[in-house]
Amino acid sequence: MEGAIALRTLYERFPDLRIVGDAPHRGLANLRGYQRIPVALGSARTQDPVSL
């Protein structure tokens, strides 16, 4: 669940996020996934100031 929230927040903050290169797998049977995923963030979306 935390991962889904983190990724959604990342995509909202950096809408131009894209993978730029190879994303090698770990190669382990018990810990599947990527060793690293190189990305380019692009420009950040600025948040609107909160008025109190």
PDB file of N, CA and C in Angstrom:
ATOM      1  N   MET A   1       0.819  -1.190   0.000  1.00  0.00           N
ATOM      2  CA  MET A   1       0.000   0.000   0.000  1.00  0.00           C
ATOM      3  C   MET A   1       0.868   1.261   0.000  1.00  0.00           C
ATOM      4  N   GLU A   2       1.908   1.275   0.852  1.00  0.00           N
ATOM      5  CA  GLU A   2       2.771   2.455   0.908  1.00  0.00           C
ATOM      6  C   GLU A   2       3.457   2.690  -0.429  1.00  0.00           C
ATOM      7  N   GLY A   3       3.829   1.597  -1.093  1.00  0.00           N
ATOM      8  CA  GLY A   3       4.473   1.724  -2.401  1.00  0.00           C
ATOM      9  C   GLY A   3       3.553   2.366  -3.426  1.00  0.00           C
ATOM     10  N   ALA A   4       2.289   1.993  -3.413  1.00  0.00           N
ATOM     11  CA  ALA A   4       1.321   2.569  -4.344  1.00  0.00           C
ATOM     12  C   ALA A   4       1.141   4.063  -4.093  1.00  0.00           C
ATOM     13  N   ILE A   5       1.097   4.443  -2.821  1.00  0.00           N
ATOM     14  CA  ILE A   5       0.958   5.867  -2.476  1.00  0.00           C
ATOM     15  C   ILE A   5       2.202   6.629  -2.904  1.00  0.00           C
ATOM     16  N   ALA A   6       3.375   6.046  -2.650  1.00  0.00           N
ATOM     17  CA  ALA A   6       4.637   6.706  -3.013  1.00  0.00           C
ATOM     18  C   ALA A   6       4.753   6.893  -4.523  1.00  0.00           C
ATOM     19  N   LEU A   7       4.413   5.869  -5.292  1.00  0.00           N
ATOM     20  CA  LEU A   7       4.509   5.986  -6.750  1.00  0.00           C
ATOM     21  C   LEU A   7       3.499   6.985  -7.296  1.00  0.00           C
ATOM     22  N   ARG A   8       2.288   6.971  -6.780  1.00  0.00           N
ATOM     23  CA  ARG A   8       1.280   7.923  -7.238  1.00  0.00           C
ATOM     24  C   ARG A   8       1.732   9.352  -6.950  1.00  0.00           C
ATOM     25  N   THR A   9       2.278   9.584  -5.768  1.00  0.00           N
ATOM     26  CA  THR A   9       2.764  10.910  -5.401  1.00  0.00           C
ATOM     27  C   THR A   9       3.929  11.324  -6.294  1.00  0.00           C
ATOM     28  N   LEU A  10       4.819  10.385  -6.587  1.00  0.00           N
ATOM     29  CA  LEU A  10       5.960  10.674  -7.460  1.00  0.00           C
ATOM     30  C   LEU A  10       5.490  11.060  -8.861  1.00  0.00           C
ATOM     31  N   TYR A  11       4.534  10.315  -9.413  1.00  0.00           N
ATOM     32  CA  TYR A  11       4.014  10.618 -10.755  1.00  0.00           C
ATOM     33  C   TYR A  11       3.245  11.940 -10.779  1.00  0.00           C
ATOM     34  N   GLU A  12       2.551  12.245  -9.700  1.00  0.00           N
ATOM     35  CA  GLU A  12       1.836  13.525  -9.643  1.00  0.00           C
ATOM     36  C   GLU A  12       2.824  14.687  -9.573  1.00  0.00           C
ATOM     37  N   ARG A  13       3.901  14.503  -8.832  1.00  0.00           N
ATOM     38  CA  ARG A  13       4.894  15.566  -8.656  1.00  0.00           C
ATOM     39  C   ARG A  13       5.751  15.749  -9.907  1.00  0.00           C
ATOM     40  N   PHE A  14       6.081  14.642 -10.586  1.00  0.00           N
ATOM     41  CA  PHE A  14       6.918  14.669 -11.786  1.00  0.00           C
ATOM     42  C   PHE A  14       6.169  13.994 -12.938  1.00  0.00           C
ATOM     43  N   PRO A  15       5.239  14.689 -13.577  1.00  0.00           N
ATOM     44  CA  PRO A  15       4.428  14.060 -14.624  1.00  0.00           C
ATOM     45  C   PRO A  15       5.232  13.650 -15.866  1.00  0.00           C
ATOM     46  N   ASP A  16       6.440  14.186 -16.051  1.00  0.00           N
ATOM     47  CA  ASP A  16       7.280  13.829 -17.201  1.00  0.00           C
ATOM     48  C   ASP A  16       8.272  12.722 -16.873  1.00  0.00           C
ATOM     49  N   LEU A  17       8.121  12.049 -15.755  1.00  0.00           N
ATOM     50  CA  LEU A  17       9.017  10.977 -15.329  1.00  0.00           C
ATOM     51  C   LEU A  17       9.095   9.907 -16.406  1.00  0.00           C
ATOM     52  N   ARG A  18      10.320   9.479 -16.730  1.00  0.00           N
ATOM     53  CA  ARG A  18      10.483   8.422 -17.732  1.00  0.00           C
ATOM     54  C   ARG A  18      11.740   7.614 -17.434  1.00  0.00           C
ATOM     55  N   ILE A  19      11.745   6.367 -17.844  1.00  0.00           N
ATOM     56  CA  ILE A  19      12.903   5.484 -17.683  1.00  0.00           C
ATOM     57  C   ILE A  19      13.914   5.833 -18.763  1.00  0.00           C
ATOM     58  N   VAL A  20      15.178   5.942 -18.374  1.00  0.00           N
ATOM     59  CA  VAL A  20      16.244   6.310 -19.325  1.00  0.00           C
ATOM     60  C   VAL A  20      17.408   5.329 -19.214  1.00  0.00           C
ATOM     61  N   GLY A  21      17.266   4.173 -19.713  1.00  0.00           N
ATOM     62  CA  GLY A  21      18.347   3.196 -19.676  1.00  0.00           C
ATOM     63  C   GLY A  21      17.836   1.826 -19.283  1.00  0.00           C
ATOM     64  N   ASP A  22      18.793   0.940 -19.098  1.00  0.00           N
ATOM     65  CA  ASP A  22      18.453  -0.433 -18.742  1.00  0.00           C
ATOM     66  C   ASP A  22      18.074  -0.531 -17.274  1.00  0.00           C
ATOM     67  N   ALA A  23      17.128  -1.402 -17.001  1.00  0.00           N
ATOM     68  CA  ALA A  23      16.708  -1.675 -15.625  1.00  0.00           C
ATOM     69  C   ALA A  23      17.005  -3.152 -15.361  1.00  0.00           C
ATOM     70  N   PRO A  24      18.237  -3.458 -14.915  1.00  0.00           N
ATOM     71  CA  PRO A  24      18.620  -4.868 -14.731  1.00  0.00           C
ATOM     72  C   PRO A  24      17.906  -5.512 -13.545  1.00  0.00           C
ATOM     73  N   HIS A  25      17.504  -6.762 -13.754  1.00  0.00           N
ATOM     74  CA  HIS A  25      16.886  -7.532 -12.675  1.00  0.00           C
ATOM     75  C   HIS A  25      17.938  -7.924 -11.648  1.00  0.00           C
ATOM     76  N   ARG A  26      17.496  -8.135 -10.421  1.00  0.00           N
ATOM     77  CA  ARG A  26      18.411  -8.540  -9.350  1.00  0.00           C
ATOM     78  C   ARG A  26      19.038  -9.897  -9.619  1.00  0.00           C
ATOM     79  N   GLY A  27      18.297 -10.788 -10.226  1.00  0.00           N
ATOM     80  CA  GLY A  27      18.810 -12.125 -10.490  1.00  0.00           C
ATOM     81  C   GLY A  27      18.707 -13.062  -9.293  1.00  0.00           C
ATOM     82  N   LEU A  28      17.899 -12.713  -8.318  1.00  0.00           N
ATOM     83  CA  LEU A  28      17.715 -13.556  -7.143  1.00  0.00           C
ATOM     84  C   LEU A  28      16.315 -14.161  -7.163  1.00  0.00           C
ATOM     85  N   ALA A  29      16.222 -15.425  -6.792  1.00  0.00           N
ATOM     86  CA  ALA A  29      14.922 -16.092  -6.797  1.00  0.00           C
ATOM     87  C   ALA A  29      14.024 -15.613  -5.658  1.00  0.00           C
ATOM     88  N   ASN A  30      14.616 -15.264  -4.518  1.00  0.00           N
ATOM     89  CA  ASN A  30      13.795 -14.891  -3.367  1.00  0.00           C
ATOM     90  C   ASN A  30      13.515 -13.386  -3.276  1.00  0.00           C
ATOM     91  N   LEU A  31      14.284 -12.561  -3.955  1.00  0.00           N
ATOM     92  CA  LEU A  31      14.049 -11.113  -3.976  1.00  0.00           C
ATOM     93  C   LEU A  31      13.920 -10.648  -5.424  1.00  0.00           C
ATOM     94  N   ARG A  32      12.742 -10.838  -5.960  1.00  0.00           N
ATOM     95  CA  ARG A  32      12.535 -10.435  -7.343  1.00  0.00           C
ATOM     96  C   ARG A  32      12.436  -8.922  -7.439  1.00  0.00           C
ATOM     97  N   GLY A  33      12.701  -8.411  -8.590  1.00  0.00           N
ATOM     98  CA  GLY A  33      12.613  -6.975  -8.795  1.00  0.00           C
ATOM     99  C   GLY A  33      13.839  -6.467  -9.532  1.00  0.00           C
ATOM    100  N   TYR A  34      13.972  -5.180  -9.553  1.00  0.00           N
ATOM    101  CA  TYR A  34      15.063  -4.550 -10.282  1.00  0.00           C
ATOM    102  C   TYR A  34      16.183  -4.133  -9.344  1.00  0.00           C
ATOM    103  N   GLN A  35      17.392  -4.221  -9.863  1.00  0.00           N
ATOM    104  CA  GLN A  35      18.551  -3.769  -9.117  1.00  0.00           C
ATOM    105  C   GLN A  35      18.553  -2.247  -9.035  1.00  0.00           C
ATOM    106  N   ARG A  36      18.213  -1.610 -10.150  1.00  0.00           N
ATOM    107  CA  ARG A  36      18.082  -0.154 -10.222  1.00  0.00           C
ATOM    108  C   ARG A  36      17.225   0.190 -11.431  1.00  0.00           C
ATOM    109  N   ILE A  37      16.599   1.338 -11.378  1.00  0.00           N
ATOM    110  CA  ILE A  37      15.799   1.832 -12.500  1.00  0.00           C
ATOM    111  C   ILE A  37      16.191   3.297 -12.704  1.00  0.00           C
ATOM    112  N   PRO A  38      17.048   3.574 -13.687  1.00  0.00           N
ATOM    113  CA  PRO A  38      17.438   4.964 -13.929  1.00  0.00           C
ATOM    114  C   PRO A  38      16.291   5.743 -14.571  1.00  0.00           C
ATOM    115  N   VAL A  39      16.013   6.913 -14.029  1.00  0.00           N
ATOM    116  CA  VAL A  39      14.908   7.722 -14.534  1.00  0.00           C
ATOM    117  C   VAL A  39      15.336   9.170 -14.729  1.00  0.00           C
ATOM    118  N   ALA A  40      14.619   9.863 -15.575  1.00  0.00           N
ATOM    119  CA  ALA A  40      14.728  11.319 -15.717  1.00  0.00           C
ATOM    120  C   ALA A  40      13.435  11.887 -15.159  1.00  0.00           C
ATOM    121  N   LEU A  41      13.570  12.802 -14.213  1.00  0.00           N
ATOM    122  CA  LEU A  41      12.395  13.343 -13.548  1.00  0.00           C
ATOM    123  C   LEU A  41      11.648  14.372 -14.376  1.00  0.00           C
ATOM    124  N   GLY A  42      12.347  15.154 -15.168  1.00  0.00           N
ATOM    125  CA  GLY A  42      11.701  16.255 -15.873  1.00  0.00           C
ATOM    126  C   GLY A  42      11.459  17.394 -14.901  1.00  0.00           C
ATOM    127  N   SER A  43      10.586  18.281 -15.257  1.00  0.00           N
ATOM    128  CA  SER A  43      10.318  19.427 -14.384  1.00  0.00           C
ATOM    129  C   SER A  43       9.255  19.060 -13.355  1.00  0.00           C
ATOM    130  N   ALA A  44       9.434  19.577 -12.157  1.00  0.00           N
ATOM    131  CA  ALA A  44       8.500  19.299 -11.074  1.00  0.00           C
ATOM    132  C   ALA A  44       7.274  20.184 -11.195  1.00  0.00           C
ATOM    133  N   ARG A  45       6.143  19.608 -10.880  1.00  0.00           N
ATOM    134  CA  ARG A  45       4.905  20.388 -10.814  1.00  0.00           C
ATOM    135  C   ARG A  45       4.899  21.102  -9.474  1.00  0.00           C
ATOM    136  N   THR A  46       4.707  22.391  -9.506  1.00  0.00           N
ATOM    137  CA  THR A  46       4.691  23.142  -8.248  1.00  0.00           C
ATOM    138  C   THR A  46       3.312  23.050  -7.620  1.00  0.00           C
ATOM    139  N   GLN A  47       3.304  23.032  -6.319  1.00  0.00           N
ATOM    140  CA  GLN A  47       2.038  22.961  -5.612  1.00  0.00           C
ATOM    141  C   GLN A  47       1.505  24.377  -5.407  1.00  0.00           C
ATOM    142  N   ASP A  48       0.193  24.474  -5.435  1.00  0.00           N
ATOM    143  CA  ASP A  48      -0.448  25.762  -5.175  1.00  0.00           C
ATOM    144  C   ASP A  48      -0.258  26.112  -3.696  1.00  0.00           C
ATOM    145  N   PRO A  49       0.025  27.355  -3.402  1.00  0.00           N
ATOM    146  CA  PRO A  49       0.152  27.729  -1.997  1.00  0.00           C
ATOM    147  C   PRO A  49      -1.179  27.573  -1.270  1.00  0.00           C
ATOM    148  N   VAL A  50      -1.091  27.168  -0.042  1.00  0.00           N
ATOM    149  CA  VAL A  50      -2.288  26.964   0.772  1.00  0.00           C
ATOM    150  C   VAL A  50      -2.613  28.278   1.455  1.00  0.00           C
ATOM    151  N   SER A  51      -3.839  28.737   1.308  1.00  0.00           N
ATOM    152  CA  SER A  51      -4.229  29.953   2.015  1.00  0.00           C
ATOM    153  C   SER A  51      -4.989  29.594   3.277  1.00  0.00           C
ATOM    154  N   LEU A  52      -4.652  30.265   4.329  1.00  0.00           N
ATOM    155  CA  LEU A  52      -5.277  29.982   5.621  1.00  0.00           C
ATOM    156  C   LEU A  52      -6.338  30.984   5.951  1.00  0.00           C
TER     157      LEU A  52
END
